[in-house]
C-alpha atoms as a PDB file:
ATOM      1  CA  MET A   1     103.265 -73.001-172.550  1.00  0.00           C
ATOM      2  CA  ALA A   2     103.150 -69.232-172.204  1.00  0.00           C
ATOM      3  CA  ASN A   3     106.303 -67.217-171.810  1.00  0.00           C
ATOM      4  CA  SER A   4     106.707 -65.913-168.243  1.00  0.00           C
ATOM      5  CA  ASN A   5     108.197 -62.683-169.645  1.00  0.00           C
ATOM      6  CA  ASP A   6     105.006 -61.961-171.596  1.00  0.00           C
ATOM      7  CA  PRO A   7     103.699 -58.480-170.585  1.00  0.00           C
ATOM      8  CA  ASP A   8     100.070 -59.686-170.698  1.00  0.00           C
ATOM      9  CA  ILE A   9     100.787 -62.467-168.208  1.00  0.00           C
ATOM     10  CA  HIS A  10     102.701 -60.038-166.005  1.00  0.00           C
ATOM     11  CA  ALA A  11      99.790 -57.558-166.106  1.00  0.00           C
ATOM     12  CA  ALA A  12      97.294 -60.301-165.251  1.00  0.00           C
ATOM     13  CA  THR A  13      99.471 -61.413-162.338  1.00  0.00           C
ATOM     14  CA  VAL A  14      99.654 -57.857-161.017  1.00  0.00           C
ATOM     15  CA  ARG A  15      95.846 -57.485-161.304  1.00  0.00           C
ATOM     16  CA  ALA A  16      95.319 -60.811-159.533  1.00  0.00           C
ATOM     17  CA  GLN A  17      97.541 -59.715-156.662  1.00  0.00           C
ATOM     18  CA  ALA A  18      95.711 -56.387-156.408  1.00  0.00           C
ATOM     19  CA  GLN A  19      92.326 -58.141-156.392  1.00  0.00           C
ATOM     20  CA  SER A  20      93.415 -60.552-153.674  1.00  0.00           C
ATOM     21  CA  GLU A  21      94.497 -57.606-151.506  1.00  0.00           C
ATOM     22  CA  MET A  22      91.100 -55.834-151.766  1.00  0.00           C
ATOM     23  CA  HIS A  23      89.008 -55.872-148.632  1.00  0.00           C
ATOM     24  CA  GLY A  24      85.307 -55.334-148.084  1.00  0.00           C
ATOM     25  CA  LYS A  25      83.224 -53.731-150.800  1.00  0.00           C
ATOM     26  CA  GLN A  26      86.034 -52.128-152.811  1.00  0.00           C
ATOM     27  CA  SER A  27      85.257 -52.070-156.489  1.00  0.00           C
ATOM     28  CA  ILE A  28      87.463 -53.548-159.165  1.00  0.00           C
ATOM     29  CA  PRO A  29      88.498 -50.954-161.740  1.00  0.00           C
ATOM     30  CA  PRO A  30      87.027 -51.643-165.192  1.00  0.00           C
ATOM     31  CA  LEU A  31      89.234 -53.128-167.875  1.00  0.00           C
ATOM     32  CA  GLN A  32      89.734 -51.463-171.211  1.00  0.00           C
ATOM     33  CA  ALA A  33      88.853 -53.390-174.347  1.00  0.00           C
ATOM     34  CA  ASP A  34      91.844 -54.978-176.022  1.00  0.00           C
ATOM     35  CA  ARG A  35      92.267 -56.476-179.448  1.00  0.00           C
ATOM     36  CA  HIS A  36      92.948 -60.185-179.198  1.00  0.00           C
ATOM     37  CA  SER A  37      93.312 -62.931-181.731  1.00  0.00           C
ATOM     38  CA  SER A  38      93.726 -66.679-181.509  1.00  0.00           C
ATOM     39  CA  LEU A  39      97.482 -66.070-181.698  1.00  0.00           C
ATOM     40  CA  ASP A  40      97.353 -63.493-178.881  1.00  0.00           C
ATOM     41  CA  PRO A  41      94.544 -64.567-176.504  1.00  0.00           C
ATOM     42  CA  ALA A  42      93.333 -62.463-173.601  1.00  0.00           C
ATOM     43  CA  VAL A  43      94.929 -63.258-170.247  1.00  0.00           C
ATOM     44  CA  GLU A  44      92.456 -62.737-167.408  1.00  0.00           C
ATOM     45  CA  THR A  45      92.377 -63.460-163.706  1.00  0.00           C
ATOM     46  CA  PRO A  46      89.608 -65.748-162.391  1.00  0.00           C
ATOM     47  CA  VAL A  47      87.796 -62.709-160.935  1.00  0.00           C
ATOM     48  CA  GLU A  48      87.815 -60.915-164.293  1.00  0.00           C
ATOM     49  CA  ALA A  49      86.658 -64.020-166.149  1.00  0.00           C
ATOM     50  CA  ARG A  50      83.646 -64.589-163.882  1.00  0.00           C
ATOM     51  CA  GLN A  51      80.369 -63.819-165.664  1.00  0.00           C
ATOM     52  CA  GLY A  52      78.314 -62.601-162.738  1.00  0.00           C
ATOM     53  CA  PHE A  53      78.057 -61.960-159.060  1.00  0.00           C
ATOM     54  CA  LEU A  54      77.872 -64.485-156.260  1.00  0.00           C
ATOM     55  CA  GLY A  55      76.527 -64.262-152.741  1.00  0.00           C
ATOM     56  CA  MET A  56      73.362 -63.286-150.927  1.00  0.00           C
ATOM     57  CA  PRO A  57      71.685 -61.156-153.647  1.00  0.00           C
ATOM     58  CA  VAL A  58      71.742 -64.094-156.062  1.00  0.00           C
ATOM     59  CA  LEU A  59      70.447 -66.459-153.395  1.00  0.00           C
ATOM     60  CA  ALA A  60      67.657 -64.012-152.496  1.00  0.00           C
ATOM     61  CA  VAL A  61      66.544 -63.783-156.137  1.00  0.00           C
ATOM     62  CA  LEU A  62      66.534 -67.568-156.491  1.00  0.00           C
ATOM     63  CA  ILE A  63      64.557 -68.097-153.277  1.00  0.00           C
ATOM     64  CA  GLY A  64      62.152 -65.264-154.173  1.00  0.00           C
ATOM     65  CA  GLY A  65      61.510 -66.776-157.595  1.00  0.00           C
ATOM     66  CA  LEU A  66      60.879 -70.179-156.065  1.00  0.00           C
ATOM     67  CA  MET A  67      58.423 -68.666-153.583  1.00  0.00           C
ATOM     68  CA  LEU A  68      56.574 -66.808-156.363  1.00  0.00           C
ATOM     69  CA  ALA A  69      56.362 -70.019-158.396  1.00  0.00           C
ATOM     70  CA  GLY A  70      54.932 -71.805-155.341  1.00  0.00           C
ATOM     71  CA  ILE A  71      52.346 -69.072-154.779  1.00  0.00           C
ATOM     72  CA  ALA A  72      51.337 -69.209-158.453  1.00  0.00           C
ATOM     73  CA  TRP A  73      51.055 -73.011-158.284  1.00  0.00           C
ATOM     74  CA  LEU A  74      48.835 -72.786-155.172  1.00  0.00           C
ATOM     75  CA  ALA A  75      46.648 -70.101-156.796  1.00  0.00           C
ATOM     76  CA  VAL A  76      46.117 -72.246-159.892  1.00  0.00           C
ATOM     77  CA  HIS A  77      45.579 -75.370-157.782  1.00  0.00           C
ATOM     78  CA  PHE A  78      42.812 -73.788-155.689  1.00  0.00           C
ATOM     79  CA  ALA A  79      41.280 -71.867-158.630  1.00  0.00           C
ATOM     80  CA  VAL A  80      40.733 -75.079-160.597  1.00  0.00           C
ATOM     81  CA  GLN A  81      38.994 -76.946-157.763  1.00  0.00           C
END
């Protein structure tokens, strides 16, 4: 189990609290690259560890791609007949 006095864990806790207090479209400040090893792993908040964005833009891209695939399928279907 990690030591609660570890400065990395304390820093991650502070960042997590700051991220939970953000409202609206405030941006999260970028993190600086750190050197980590298997003995000293990176400690990240769930927001920092997420690989991409969520929400309406992602849904719009997925629905748009599905609609384009449907249009292409219909074009091929009627072009073959």
